[in-house]
Amino acid sequence: MIMTMDTIKALRSSAIVLAIVFAASSASHSRIGFDKYHNHKEMTNYLMQITDEFPNISSLYSIGKSVLKRELWAVKLTTASELLGVPNIKIVGNIHGNEPVGREIILHLIQYLLDNNSKNKVINNLLRTTVIHLLPSMNPDGFEMSAPQPCPNDGMHRLGSRGNANTFDLNRNFPDVFNPHTVPLQPETKAMMEWLKSVPFVMSLGLHGGALVANFPYDGSLDSVLGKLQKLNETLQINDVFELYKIFLNETSYNQNINMESLTPDDDVFRFLAKQYADLHPTMHNGLSCDDDYSLKFKDGITNGAAWYQVIGSMQDYNYVWHGCMEITLEMSCCKYPPASFLESHWNDHLKPLLTWMQQAHRGVKGFVTNQITGKPIPNATVSLTDRENYINTTVNGEYWKILLPGVYKLRVNAIGYDEKIVRVKVPEEREDQEEGPRPQSVNVQLEPTKTKTADSGRSTVSDSDHYNTHWVSDSDLHGVTDRAVAAVQKSSADKRLWLLVDVEGKEKEDEGDDGHKGRSGNRYDDVNRLQSMRPPLPVQSSSSGPGNHFPSGEIRAVQILCLLPFSYFVVHMLS
């Protein structure tokens, strides 16, 4: 639940004495330096003080609480006098507890934007035309259980708590369009999902550490390990799952090319956003590995998530698939938790890329969809491109935003009870002297009510055979629309993946491995033996997927395997 301002004021009362003592020097007291990492109490005090100092530009709110009841604070920044038609963007840090560089950078970014609003024309314009939400720590519990470590070249140094207080990896905890959700949603994950339902975010960044690269969706793939097992069974027709998996592991001809690109319909935009960020960073664009040999690892400093390694339940895939929010994942530093002495250099390296990324919310087209007769906004209308499979939905006020690169597009707009309309749109090239960033093309669309209602009139927001990006619609149906979309995805996706029906309340007994997945040691086949008497035979079916065409269809029957939670963890995560 998002915390009200009254509740925040009540929390502030505990620090009122300090506020009085330092009233004469409130400006300097609210400032933070690069000499240390700030714990949750220090971060909370800082956020309260600096938003009090700039009440007309900033506001502090909580999107929920962690497992240990720490507030998940977010700061909202804007000087827009009218919020209608203004895009919302967000930056989320500290998803993994032992990756706090992004946490500190967000704290300094808040200070930088507030201080420079009246001094810098570009910052002033950004705040006047954008609503910026900054959440420094999604995983405050994990942060409190971690500490700075020596910083070797190996970016995979993972001491500390990657997961939350329940030891769950929050970047493996979201619903996934390609694979069944097999773990209980955590409080931090639920809070993030509710936040996405309540605000129509256009763009997002997830900040991580342990590498230096800009990662874009999809993280998951229909061509996952589960899909490969199904395809292998189509060839070998082996009913013994234990034997099938042994063959898969031992035969390189079957398990090769596990990590192939898994591309979204908006791959051109995602690649642009990622490459622009990497190009503006002093070293990220070199694409070098964080290993000792500094070999070339990421061309241009960017990577498709699944091509690097597949992740099931990632936050960036959830943002895009469920809400149409263009999120990319930034790996900001080779060392996950470097000493504080490294922070200032990381801040200097990332400031320009961050500011430029925020401006991209105004790239492409935006507008309103209204009733041609009454002029009233049409909520939940669908806006798509004729040559792309996904689409976004209008808000309760009929607003929409679509990030596009320069070019000519055909915009298709639909709503139940209205005739479809296709509009030709030209997105011009950005001028070199346009220092304030791109400017969106305003394309307002009026739909004519359908004169003769038929069973096929309009286009349903959610269909059994299609998948949609769903933005929030109305206060009375904030949750229903997304829930229906999720149900439709799960129904249509079932035919393209190997289902695992698991006991989601089960408790994983193995130790967590260094990479944040469940432990890979011990007898990995224990539960497979018990599986044999429980499962139906695997049917022989075909399954395929292609780049840029990864929205599941409903043409192939589901393959269902009954199994226990530890085995599901193993199959899903073993080769990630």
Protein backbone atom coordinates (compact mmCIF):
# COMPACT_ATOMS: atom_id res chain seq x y z
CA MET A 1 0.00 0.00 0.00
CA ILE A 2 1.34 3.46 -0.87
CA MET A 3 1.83 5.49 2.27
CA THR A 4 -0.18 8.71 2.70
CA MET A 5 1.40 12.05 3.46
CA ASP A 6 -0.24 12.04 6.92
CA THR A 7 1.63 8.86 7.78
CA ILE A 8 4.89 10.31 6.53
CA LYS A 9 4.36 13.42 8.66
CA ALA A 10 3.82 11.20 11.67
CA LEU A 11 7.11 9.42 11.01
CA ARG A 12 8.87 12.73 10.73
CA SER A 13 7.87 13.67 14.27
CA SER A 14 10.54 11.36 15.65
CA ALA A 15 13.22 13.59 14.11
CA ILE A 16 11.63 16.94 14.96
CA VAL A 17 14.23 17.80 17.59
CA LEU A 18 17.05 17.39 15.09
CA ALA A 19 15.12 19.50 12.60
CA ILE A 20 14.85 22.34 15.12
CA VAL A 21 18.51 22.12 16.12
CA PHE A 22 19.69 22.30 12.54
CA ALA A 23 17.02 24.68 11.23
CA ALA A 24 19.54 27.45 10.74
CA SER A 25 21.61 25.27 8.44
CA SER A 26 18.98 22.98 6.93
CA ALA A 27 20.44 23.25 3.45
CA SER A 28 23.83 21.90 4.43
CA HIS A 29 22.37 19.33 6.84
CA SER A 30 20.30 17.72 4.09
CA ARG A 31 23.35 17.23 1.90
CA ILE A 32 25.20 13.94 1.60
CA GLY A 33 28.73 13.22 0.54
CA PHE A 34 30.62 10.39 -1.12
CA ASP A 35 32.49 9.36 2.00
CA LYS A 36 30.15 6.52 3.03
CA TYR A 37 27.16 4.35 2.19
CA HIS A 38 24.01 5.50 3.96
CA ASN A 39 22.02 3.00 5.98
CA HIS A 40 18.23 2.96 6.01
CA LYS A 41 17.85 5.39 8.91
CA GLU A 42 20.31 7.85 7.39
CA MET A 43 18.68 7.53 3.98
CA THR A 44 15.22 8.12 5.48
CA ASN A 45 16.34 11.25 7.34
CA TYR A 46 18.05 12.61 4.23
CA LEU A 47 15.01 12.04 2.01
CA MET A 48 12.67 13.67 4.51
CA GLN A 49 14.90 16.69 4.95
CA ILE A 50 15.64 17.37 1.30
CA THR A 51 12.01 17.00 0.22
CA ASP A 52 11.02 19.37 3.04
CA GLU A 53 13.58 21.83 1.70
CA PHE A 54 12.06 21.69 -1.81
CA PRO A 55 8.33 21.17 -1.12
CA ASN A 56 7.15 22.68 -4.42
CA ILE A 57 9.32 20.41 -6.54
CA SER A 58 9.60 17.18 -4.58
CA SER A 59 7.51 14.85 -2.48
CA LEU A 60 8.35 11.71 -0.52
CA TYR A 61 6.15 8.64 -0.43
CA SER A 62 6.44 4.92 0.28
CA ILE A 63 5.33 2.24 -2.17
CA GLY A 64 5.21 -0.42 0.57
CA LYS A 65 7.39 -2.19 3.11
CA SER A 66 10.12 -4.79 3.04
CA VAL A 67 10.00 -8.14 4.82
CA LEU A 68 11.42 -6.47 7.95
CA LYS A 69 8.94 -3.57 7.63
CA ARG A 70 11.38 -0.98 6.31
CA GLU A 71 9.72 1.63 4.10
CA LEU A 72 10.39 1.45 0.37
CA TRP A 73 10.85 5.18 -0.13
CA ALA A 74 10.33 6.94 -3.45
CA VAL A 75 10.85 10.60 -4.28
CA LYS A 76 8.68 12.28 -6.90
CA LEU A 77 10.22 15.26 -8.72
CA THR A 78 8.45 17.63 -11.11
CA THR A 79 7.70 21.31 -11.62
CA ALA A 80 4.88 20.65 -14.10
CA SER A 81 1.86 22.77 -13.23
CA GLU A 82 -0.47 20.43 -15.12
CA LEU A 83 0.24 16.70 -14.97
CA LEU A 84 -2.17 15.71 -17.74
CA GLY A 85 -0.15 14.35 -20.65
CA VAL A 86 3.16 14.47 -18.75
CA PRO A 87 5.12 11.18 -18.89
CA ASN A 88 6.18 9.34 -15.71
CA ILE A 89 9.57 7.64 -15.50
CA LYS A 90 11.30 5.79 -12.66
CA ILE A 91 14.74 4.66 -11.56
CA VAL A 92 15.03 1.80 -9.06
CA GLY A 93 18.22 0.97 -7.19
CA ASN A 94 19.54 -1.70 -4.84
CA ILE A 95 17.38 -4.56 -6.16
CA HIS A 96 20.10 -6.87 -4.88
CA GLY A 97 21.17 -6.07 -1.34
CA ASN A 98 24.89 -6.29 -2.01
CA GLU A 99 24.74 -4.05 -5.11
CA PRO A 100 24.31 -0.56 -3.59
CA VAL A 101 26.18 1.69 -6.04
CA GLY A 102 22.88 2.54 -7.73
CA ARG A 103 21.34 3.30 -4.34
CA GLU A 104 23.93 6.00 -3.60
CA ILE A 105 23.83 7.38 -7.15
CA ILE A 106 20.04 7.87 -6.85
CA LEU A 107 20.48 9.72 -3.55
CA HIS A 108 22.94 12.07 -5.21
CA LEU A 109 20.74 12.37 -8.32
CA ILE A 110 17.87 13.65 -6.17
CA GLN A 111 20.16 16.30 -4.72
CA TYR A 112 21.59 17.21 -8.12
CA LEU A 113 18.21 17.70 -9.81
CA LEU A 114 16.80 19.79 -6.97
CA ASP A 115 19.90 21.98 -6.69
CA ASN A 116 20.13 22.61 -10.43
CA ASN A 117 16.50 23.25 -11.30
CA SER A 118 16.97 27.01 -11.03
CA LYS A 119 20.52 27.02 -12.42
CA ASN A 120 20.49 24.71 -15.42
CA LYS A 121 18.19 25.16 -18.42
CA VAL A 122 18.26 21.47 -19.36
CA ILE A 123 17.39 20.33 -15.82
CA ASN A 124 14.66 22.95 -15.56
CA ASN A 125 13.10 21.76 -18.79
CA LEU A 126 13.37 18.11 -17.75
CA LEU A 127 11.55 18.71 -14.47
CA ARG A 128 8.95 20.93 -16.15
CA THR A 129 8.02 18.29 -18.73
CA THR A 130 8.54 15.03 -16.84
CA VAL A 131 7.46 13.35 -13.60
CA ILE A 132 10.53 11.57 -12.22
CA HIS A 133 10.17 8.89 -9.54
CA LEU A 134 13.38 7.80 -7.80
CA LEU A 135 13.42 4.74 -5.52
CA PRO A 136 16.92 4.38 -4.01
CA SER A 137 16.46 0.95 -2.43
CA MET A 138 14.06 -1.81 -3.38
CA ASN A 139 15.86 -4.17 -1.01
CA PRO A 140 16.74 -2.26 2.19
CA ASP A 141 16.85 -5.46 4.25
CA GLY A 142 19.44 -7.04 1.98
CA PHE A 143 21.52 -3.86 2.08
CA GLU A 144 21.57 -3.85 5.88
CA MET A 145 22.88 -7.43 5.81
CA SER A 146 25.75 -6.56 3.44
CA ALA A 147 28.97 -4.59 3.70
CA PRO A 148 31.67 -3.22 1.36
CA GLN A 149 34.18 -5.77 0.15
CA PRO A 150 37.65 -5.65 -1.40
CA CYS A 151 37.19 -4.88 -5.05
CA PRO A 152 38.97 -7.35 -7.33
CA ASN A 153 38.66 -7.14 -11.09
CA ASP A 154 36.25 -10.05 -10.98
CA GLY A 155 32.82 -8.43 -11.03
CA MET A 156 31.21 -11.62 -9.77
CA HIS A 157 32.48 -11.04 -6.21
CA ARG A 158 29.28 -11.76 -4.26
CA LEU A 159 29.75 -11.58 -0.52
CA GLY A 160 26.79 -10.11 1.36
CA SER A 161 23.07 -10.62 0.96
CA ARG A 162 21.92 -10.61 -2.64
CA GLY A 163 18.37 -11.58 -1.70
CA ASN A 164 15.84 -10.01 0.64
CA ALA A 165 15.34 -10.99 4.29
CA ASN A 166 13.63 -14.19 3.11
CA THR A 167 16.70 -14.93 0.90
CA PHE A 168 14.67 -14.53 -2.31
CA ASP A 169 16.32 -12.94 -5.33
CA LEU A 170 13.93 -10.10 -6.15
CA ASN A 171 15.04 -10.07 -9.78
CA ARG A 172 13.81 -13.68 -10.12
CA ASN A 173 10.53 -13.08 -8.31
CA PHE A 174 8.18 -11.45 -10.82
CA PRO A 175 5.53 -13.19 -12.95
CA ASP A 176 7.13 -14.42 -16.16
CA VAL A 177 5.50 -14.61 -19.57
CA PHE A 178 7.69 -17.49 -20.76
CA ASN A 179 7.73 -19.77 -17.73
CA PRO A 180 5.38 -20.59 -14.86
CA HIS A 181 5.81 -18.66 -11.64
CA THR A 182 7.05 -21.14 -9.05
CA VAL A 183 8.02 -19.01 -6.05
CA PRO A 184 5.92 -16.94 -3.63
CA LEU A 185 5.82 -13.23 -4.37
CA GLN A 186 7.81 -11.22 -1.86
CA PRO A 187 6.56 -8.03 -0.16
CA GLU A 188 9.03 -5.92 -2.13
CA THR A 189 7.91 -7.52 -5.40
CA LYS A 190 4.24 -7.00 -4.56
CA ALA A 191 4.92 -3.36 -3.75
CA MET A 192 6.62 -2.88 -7.11
CA MET A 193 3.72 -4.53 -8.93
CA GLU A 194 1.19 -2.30 -7.15
CA TRP A 195 3.30 0.74 -8.00
CA LEU A 196 3.23 -0.17 -11.67
CA LYS A 197 -0.54 -0.55 -11.50
CA SER A 198 -1.00 2.87 -9.95
CA VAL A 199 1.33 4.96 -12.15
CA PRO A 200 1.50 4.73 -15.99
CA PHE A 201 5.29 4.60 -16.24
CA VAL A 202 6.70 5.09 -19.72
CA MET A 203 10.35 4.24 -19.02
CA SER A 204 12.36 2.69 -16.21
CA LEU A 205 15.89 1.81 -15.13
CA GLY A 206 16.87 -1.03 -12.81
CA LEU A 207 20.32 -0.45 -11.31
CA HIS A 208 22.64 -3.38 -10.56
CA GLY A 209 26.35 -4.07 -10.11
CA GLY A 210 28.91 -6.74 -10.94
CA ALA A 211 29.47 -5.84 -14.61
CA LEU A 212 29.53 -2.79 -16.85
CA VAL A 213 26.83 -3.14 -19.48
CA ALA A 214 23.35 -1.96 -20.50
CA ASN A 215 21.01 -4.95 -20.64
CA PHE A 216 17.69 -4.90 -22.53
CA PRO A 217 14.71 -7.33 -22.75
CA TYR A 218 13.86 -10.04 -22.99
CA ASP A 219 15.66 -11.76 -20.13
CA GLY A 220 13.54 -14.86 -20.67
CA SER A 221 12.82 -16.89 -23.77
CA LEU A 222 10.44 -19.44 -25.20
CA ASP A 223 13.62 -21.23 -26.20
CA SER A 224 14.43 -21.85 -22.54
CA VAL A 225 15.74 -24.99 -20.90
CA LEU A 226 12.16 -26.12 -20.37
CA GLY A 227 11.38 -25.60 -24.04
CA LYS A 228 14.52 -27.48 -25.07
CA LEU A 229 13.51 -30.42 -22.88
CA GLN A 230 10.14 -30.54 -24.58
CA LYS A 231 11.74 -30.42 -28.03
CA LEU A 232 14.19 -33.16 -27.02
CA ASN A 233 11.32 -35.35 -25.91
CA GLU A 234 9.61 -34.81 -29.27
CA THR A 235 12.65 -36.37 -30.88
CA LEU A 236 13.45 -39.14 -28.39
CA GLN A 237 9.96 -39.80 -26.97
CA ILE A 238 11.33 -40.69 -23.53
CA ASN A 239 8.80 -40.90 -20.72
CA ASP A 240 11.45 -41.00 -17.99
CA VAL A 241 12.13 -37.36 -17.04
CA PHE A 242 15.25 -38.37 -15.09
CA GLU A 243 16.73 -40.05 -18.15
CA LEU A 244 15.63 -37.21 -20.44
CA TYR A 245 17.43 -34.62 -18.36
CA LYS A 246 20.62 -36.70 -18.11
CA ILE A 247 20.71 -36.92 -21.91
CA PHE A 248 20.15 -33.18 -22.16
CA LEU A 249 23.06 -32.40 -19.83
CA ASN A 250 25.49 -34.88 -21.38
CA GLU A 251 24.88 -34.27 -25.08
CA THR A 252 26.26 -30.91 -26.24
CA SER A 253 24.26 -31.21 -29.46
CA TYR A 254 21.12 -30.81 -27.35
CA ASN A 255 22.16 -28.16 -24.83
CA GLN A 256 24.22 -25.89 -27.09
CA ASN A 257 23.06 -22.37 -27.94
CA ILE A 258 21.17 -22.12 -24.69
CA ASN A 259 21.59 -18.37 -24.55
CA MET A 260 20.18 -16.98 -27.79
CA GLU A 261 18.79 -13.50 -28.25
CA SER A 262 15.16 -13.12 -27.23
CA LEU A 263 13.89 -9.93 -28.83
CA THR A 264 10.88 -7.73 -28.13
CA PRO A 265 8.71 -6.08 -30.79
CA ASP A 266 10.35 -2.81 -29.69
CA ASP A 267 13.88 -4.12 -30.06
CA ASP A 268 14.99 -1.10 -32.11
CA VAL A 269 14.03 1.28 -29.29
CA PHE A 270 15.56 -0.88 -26.57
CA ARG A 271 18.85 -1.17 -28.45
CA PHE A 272 18.88 2.59 -28.99
CA LEU A 273 18.28 3.36 -25.31
CA ALA A 274 20.94 0.87 -24.19
CA LYS A 275 23.54 1.95 -26.74
CA GLN A 276 22.97 5.65 -26.10
CA TYR A 277 23.62 5.09 -22.40
CA ALA A 278 26.73 2.98 -23.02
CA ASP A 279 28.12 5.47 -25.55
CA LEU A 280 27.84 8.34 -23.07
CA HIS A 281 29.58 6.41 -20.30
CA PRO A 282 33.39 6.82 -20.36
CA THR A 283 34.12 3.08 -20.53
CA MET A 284 30.90 1.06 -20.78
CA HIS A 285 30.84 1.36 -24.58
CA ASN A 286 34.17 -0.50 -24.78
CA GLY A 287 32.30 -3.66 -23.80
CA LEU A 288 35.18 -5.10 -21.80
CA SER A 289 34.82 -7.97 -19.38
CA CYS A 290 35.31 -7.30 -15.68
CA ASP A 291 37.57 -10.38 -15.51
CA ASP A 292 41.31 -10.10 -15.16
CA ASP A 293 41.92 -10.40 -18.90
CA TYR A 294 39.63 -7.43 -19.76
CA SER A 295 38.57 -9.24 -22.93
CA LEU A 296 35.80 -7.98 -25.19
CA LYS A 297 32.54 -9.36 -23.84
CA PHE A 298 29.69 -7.02 -24.81
CA LYS A 299 29.74 -5.43 -28.26
CA ASP A 300 29.21 -1.67 -27.83
CA GLY A 301 28.66 -2.23 -24.11
CA ILE A 302 25.12 -3.58 -24.52
CA THR A 303 23.50 -7.01 -24.44
CA ASN A 304 20.17 -8.70 -24.85
CA GLY A 305 19.31 -10.22 -21.49
CA ALA A 306 18.66 -13.77 -22.68
CA ALA A 307 21.77 -13.73 -24.87
CA TRP A 308 23.88 -13.01 -21.79
CA TYR A 309 22.10 -15.50 -19.53
CA GLN A 310 18.44 -16.32 -19.20
CA VAL A 311 16.53 -15.06 -16.18
CA ILE A 312 13.08 -16.24 -15.19
CA GLY A 313 10.97 -13.68 -13.32
CA SER A 314 13.04 -10.57 -14.07
CA MET A 315 11.77 -7.10 -13.27
CA GLN A 316 12.53 -5.59 -16.67
CA ASP A 317 10.53 -8.25 -18.53
CA TYR A 318 7.61 -7.76 -16.15
CA ASN A 319 7.68 -3.98 -16.65
CA TYR A 320 7.53 -4.34 -20.41
CA VAL A 321 5.19 -7.29 -20.86
CA TRP A 322 2.60 -6.42 -18.23
CA HIS A 323 2.71 -2.63 -18.33
CA GLY A 324 4.38 -1.49 -21.55
CA CYS A 325 7.10 0.25 -19.52
CA MET A 326 10.41 0.38 -21.40
CA GLU A 327 12.83 -0.80 -18.71
CA ILE A 328 16.47 -1.59 -19.21
CA THR A 329 18.87 -3.01 -16.62
CA LEU A 330 22.12 -1.19 -15.97
CA GLU A 331 25.13 -3.01 -14.56
CA MET A 332 26.92 0.04 -13.17
CA SER A 333 30.22 -1.19 -11.75
CA CYS A 334 32.50 -4.18 -11.98
CA CYS A 335 32.58 -4.48 -8.22
CA LYS A 336 29.19 -5.18 -6.68
CA TYR A 337 29.86 -3.40 -3.38
CA PRO A 338 33.03 -1.34 -3.76
CA PRO A 339 34.51 0.75 -0.96
CA ALA A 340 32.92 4.19 -0.63
CA SER A 341 36.04 5.75 -2.11
CA PHE A 342 34.85 4.51 -5.52
CA LEU A 343 31.43 6.21 -5.35
CA GLU A 344 32.33 9.67 -6.60
CA SER A 345 34.00 8.34 -9.74
CA HIS A 346 30.97 6.15 -10.46
CA TRP A 347 28.71 9.16 -9.98
CA ASN A 348 30.75 11.23 -12.43
CA ASP A 349 30.73 8.40 -14.97
CA HIS A 350 26.95 7.88 -14.86
CA LEU A 351 25.56 11.41 -14.47
CA LYS A 352 25.48 12.42 -18.15
CA PRO A 353 24.09 9.06 -19.35
CA LEU A 354 21.36 9.21 -16.67
CA LEU A 355 20.27 12.75 -17.59
CA THR A 356 20.22 11.92 -21.30
CA TRP A 357 18.25 8.73 -20.67
CA MET A 358 15.57 10.68 -18.79
CA GLN A 359 15.08 12.97 -21.78
CA GLN A 360 14.18 10.00 -23.98
CA ALA A 361 10.72 9.82 -22.38
CA HIS A 362 9.86 12.58 -24.88
CA ARG A 363 10.96 10.64 -27.92
CA GLY A 364 8.27 9.38 -30.31
CA VAL A 365 4.59 10.20 -30.02
CA LYS A 366 2.09 11.05 -27.32
CA GLY A 367 -1.50 12.17 -27.25
CA PHE A 368 -5.07 11.60 -26.17
CA VAL A 369 -7.74 9.25 -27.45
CA THR A 370 -11.21 10.77 -27.21
CA ASN A 371 -14.81 10.22 -28.27
CA GLN A 372 -15.38 12.04 -31.56
CA ILE A 373 -18.92 13.04 -30.58
CA THR A 374 -18.63 13.92 -26.90
CA GLY A 375 -14.94 14.81 -26.71
CA LYS A 376 -14.58 12.72 -23.56
CA PRO A 377 -11.41 10.67 -23.04
CA ILE A 378 -11.53 6.95 -23.81
CA PRO A 379 -9.76 4.94 -21.11
CA ASN A 380 -8.17 1.58 -21.91
CA ALA A 381 -8.13 2.14 -25.66
CA THR A 382 -5.38 0.16 -27.36
CA VAL A 383 -2.63 1.97 -29.27
CA SER A 384 -0.26 -0.05 -31.43
CA LEU A 385 1.81 0.04 -34.59
CA THR A 386 0.47 -1.90 -37.54
CA ASP A 387 3.75 -3.79 -37.95
CA ARG A 388 4.26 -4.71 -34.25
CA GLU A 389 2.44 -7.28 -32.21
CA ASN A 390 2.26 -5.56 -28.85
CA TYR A 391 0.35 -2.48 -27.81
CA ILE A 392 -0.20 -0.11 -24.92
CA ASN A 393 -3.40 1.10 -23.28
CA THR A 394 -4.60 4.62 -22.63
CA THR A 395 -4.95 5.87 -19.07
CA VAL A 396 -8.18 6.87 -17.34
CA ASN A 397 -7.69 10.30 -18.96
CA GLY A 398 -7.20 8.85 -22.44
CA GLU A 399 -3.44 9.55 -22.43
CA TYR A 400 -0.84 7.45 -24.20
CA TRP A 401 2.90 7.62 -24.84
CA LYS A 402 4.90 5.56 -27.32
CA ILE A 403 8.68 5.85 -27.57
CA LEU A 404 9.72 5.62 -31.22
CA LEU A 405 12.83 6.29 -33.29
CA PRO A 406 12.69 8.68 -36.28
CA GLY A 407 10.63 7.23 -39.12
CA VAL A 408 7.14 6.88 -40.54
CA TYR A 409 4.65 4.68 -38.70
CA LYS A 410 1.02 3.68 -38.89
CA LEU A 411 -0.67 4.05 -35.53
CA ARG A 412 -3.66 1.75 -34.96
CA VAL A 413 -6.15 2.79 -32.27
CA ASN A 414 -8.99 0.59 -31.02
CA ALA A 415 -11.53 0.66 -28.24
CA ILE A 416 -14.57 -1.44 -27.44
CA GLY A 417 -17.65 0.19 -28.96
CA TYR A 418 -15.67 2.33 -31.41
CA ASP A 419 -14.54 2.01 -35.02
CA GLU A 420 -10.84 1.35 -35.50
CA LYS A 421 -8.73 4.22 -36.76
CA ILE A 422 -5.27 4.07 -38.38
CA VAL A 423 -3.22 7.26 -38.39
CA ARG A 424 0.00 7.91 -40.32
CA VAL A 425 2.67 9.40 -38.05
CA LYS A 426 6.09 10.80 -38.92
CA VAL A 427 8.69 11.06 -36.17
CA PRO A 428 11.34 13.54 -37.38
CA GLU A 429 15.07 13.37 -36.86
CA GLU A 430 16.36 15.14 -33.77
CA ARG A 431 18.21 18.38 -34.44
CA GLU A 432 21.83 18.51 -33.33
CA ASP A 433 21.28 21.83 -31.54
CA GLN A 434 18.37 20.41 -29.55
CA GLU A 435 20.20 20.31 -26.21
CA GLU A 436 17.01 19.91 -24.22
CA GLY A 437 16.44 16.52 -25.81
CA PRO A 438 13.85 15.12 -28.21
CA ARG A 439 10.33 16.49 -28.48
CA PRO A 440 7.39 14.14 -28.95
CA GLN A 441 4.92 14.42 -31.79
CA SER A 442 1.46 15.14 -30.42
CA VAL A 443 -1.04 12.85 -32.11
CA ASN A 444 -4.56 13.11 -30.71
CA VAL A 445 -7.01 10.54 -32.04
CA GLN A 446 -10.79 10.80 -32.07
CA LEU A 447 -12.73 7.55 -32.39
CA GLU A 448 -16.22 7.35 -33.79
CA PRO A 449 -18.68 5.21 -31.83
CA THR A 450 -19.70 2.05 -33.69
CA LYS A 451 -23.12 2.61 -35.19
CA THR A 452 -24.12 -1.03 -35.40
CA LYS A 453 -22.98 -3.15 -32.52
CA THR A 454 -21.84 -6.64 -33.47
CA ALA A 455 -20.15 -9.44 -31.64
CA ASP A 456 -16.87 -8.39 -33.26
CA SER A 457 -17.15 -4.63 -32.85
CA GLY A 458 -14.19 -2.99 -31.15
CA ARG A 459 -11.23 -4.93 -29.93
CA SER A 460 -11.12 -6.55 -26.54
CA THR A 461 -8.38 -5.41 -24.18
CA VAL A 462 -7.55 -8.99 -23.26
CA SER A 463 -7.90 -12.00 -25.51
CA ASP A 464 -7.25 -15.69 -25.04
CA SER A 465 -4.87 -15.79 -27.97
CA ASP A 466 -3.06 -12.46 -27.69
CA HIS A 467 -0.89 -10.77 -25.11
CA TYR A 468 -1.00 -7.13 -24.23
CA ASN A 469 0.93 -4.48 -22.39
CA THR A 470 -1.60 -3.10 -19.92
CA HIS A 471 -1.44 0.31 -18.29
CA TRP A 472 -3.66 1.36 -15.40
CA VAL A 473 -7.19 2.46 -16.30
CA SER A 474 -9.44 3.61 -13.50
CA ASP A 475 -9.52 3.73 -9.72
CA SER A 476 -12.26 1.12 -9.60
CA ASP A 477 -10.41 -1.29 -11.86
CA LEU A 478 -6.73 -0.66 -11.16
CA HIS A 479 -6.11 -4.30 -10.35
CA GLY A 480 -8.71 -6.04 -12.47
CA VAL A 481 -7.33 -5.11 -15.88
CA THR A 482 -3.80 -6.24 -15.12
CA ASP A 483 -5.03 -9.41 -13.44
CA ARG A 484 -7.11 -10.24 -16.51
CA ALA A 485 -4.11 -9.60 -18.74
CA VAL A 486 -1.99 -11.90 -16.60
CA ALA A 487 -4.66 -14.59 -16.79
CA ALA A 488 -4.80 -14.26 -20.57
CA VAL A 489 -1.02 -14.51 -20.84
CA GLN A 490 -0.90 -17.59 -18.67
CA LYS A 491 -3.66 -19.23 -20.68
CA SER A 492 -2.14 -18.43 -24.07
CA SER A 493 1.43 -19.11 -22.96
CA ALA A 494 0.66 -22.54 -21.59
CA ASP A 495 0.76 -24.05 -25.06
CA LYS A 496 4.30 -22.90 -25.69
CA ARG A 497 6.11 -24.01 -22.58
CA LEU A 498 6.78 -26.98 -20.34
CA TRP A 499 4.61 -26.39 -17.29
CA LEU A 500 5.81 -27.21 -13.82
CA LEU A 501 3.00 -27.55 -11.28
CA VAL A 502 4.72 -27.02 -7.97
CA ASP A 503 4.13 -26.54 -4.27
CA VAL A 504 4.82 -22.79 -4.13
CA GLU A 505 4.76 -22.82 -0.34
CA GLY A 506 7.62 -25.35 -0.20
CA LYS A 507 10.93 -24.34 1.31
CA GLU A 508 14.19 -24.76 -0.61
CA LYS A 509 16.66 -26.61 1.57
CA GLU A 510 19.81 -26.10 -0.44
CA ASP A 511 22.19 -23.24 0.25
CA GLU A 512 22.03 -20.25 -2.04
CA GLY A 513 24.76 -20.30 -4.66
CA ASP A 514 27.13 -17.43 -5.40
CA ASP A 515 25.11 -16.32 -8.38
CA GLY A 516 21.92 -15.85 -6.40
CA HIS A 517 20.23 -18.99 -7.74
CA LYS A 518 19.47 -21.93 -5.48
CA GLY A 519 22.42 -24.14 -4.62
CA ARG A 520 23.65 -26.49 -7.32
CA SER A 521 25.47 -28.98 -5.13
CA GLY A 522 24.25 -32.26 -3.66
CA ASN A 523 22.10 -34.91 -5.32
CA ARG A 524 20.28 -32.89 -7.94
CA TYR A 525 18.10 -35.82 -8.98
CA ASP A 526 16.54 -36.75 -5.62
CA ASP A 527 13.11 -35.42 -6.45
CA VAL A 528 13.18 -36.59 -10.05
CA ASN A 529 12.98 -40.19 -8.85
CA ARG A 530 9.80 -39.42 -6.98
CA LEU A 531 8.47 -37.69 -10.07
CA GLN A 532 8.13 -40.81 -12.16
CA SER A 533 4.99 -42.20 -10.56
CA MET A 534 3.31 -38.77 -10.53
CA ARG A 535 3.62 -37.53 -14.08
CA PRO A 536 1.66 -38.20 -17.26
CA PRO A 537 3.62 -39.14 -20.40
CA LEU A 538 5.04 -36.21 -22.35
CA PRO A 539 3.03 -35.84 -25.58
CA VAL A 540 4.83 -35.34 -28.87
CA GLN A 541 4.15 -31.79 -30.03
CA SER A 542 5.99 -29.16 -32.02
CA SER A 543 7.10 -25.88 -30.54
CA SER A 544 8.95 -22.99 -32.09
CA SER A 545 9.80 -19.37 -31.55
CA GLY A 546 11.42 -16.66 -33.59
CA PRO A 547 13.26 -13.41 -32.86
CA GLY A 548 10.95 -10.47 -32.41
CA ASN A 549 7.88 -12.67 -32.33
CA HIS A 550 7.78 -13.86 -28.77
CA PHE A 551 4.20 -13.31 -27.77
CA PRO A 552 2.82 -16.79 -27.18
CA SER A 553 0.05 -18.18 -29.37
CA GLY A 554 -2.53 -20.76 -28.44
CA GLU A 555 -1.86 -23.35 -31.13
CA ILE A 556 0.06 -26.06 -29.29
CA ARG A 557 -1.17 -28.13 -26.34
CA ALA A 558 0.43 -27.70 -22.91
CA VAL A 559 2.81 -30.27 -21.56
CA GLN A 560 2.28 -30.62 -17.83
CA ILE A 561 4.69 -32.21 -15.37
CA LEU A 562 3.89 -32.63 -11.69
CA CYS A 563 6.97 -32.10 -9.62
CA LEU A 564 8.34 -30.75 -6.38
CA LEU A 565 9.67 -27.25 -5.82
CA PRO A 566 13.39 -28.10 -5.49
CA PHE A 567 13.39 -29.86 -8.85
CA SER A 568 11.55 -26.95 -10.47
CA TYR A 569 14.24 -24.62 -9.17
CA PHE A 570 16.89 -26.90 -10.61
CA VAL A 571 15.36 -27.20 -14.09
CA VAL A 572 14.48 -23.53 -14.34
CA HIS A 573 17.76 -22.12 -13.01
CA MET A 574 20.43 -24.72 -13.68
CA LEU A 575 21.72 -23.28 -16.94
CA SER A 576 20.91 -19.60 -16.33
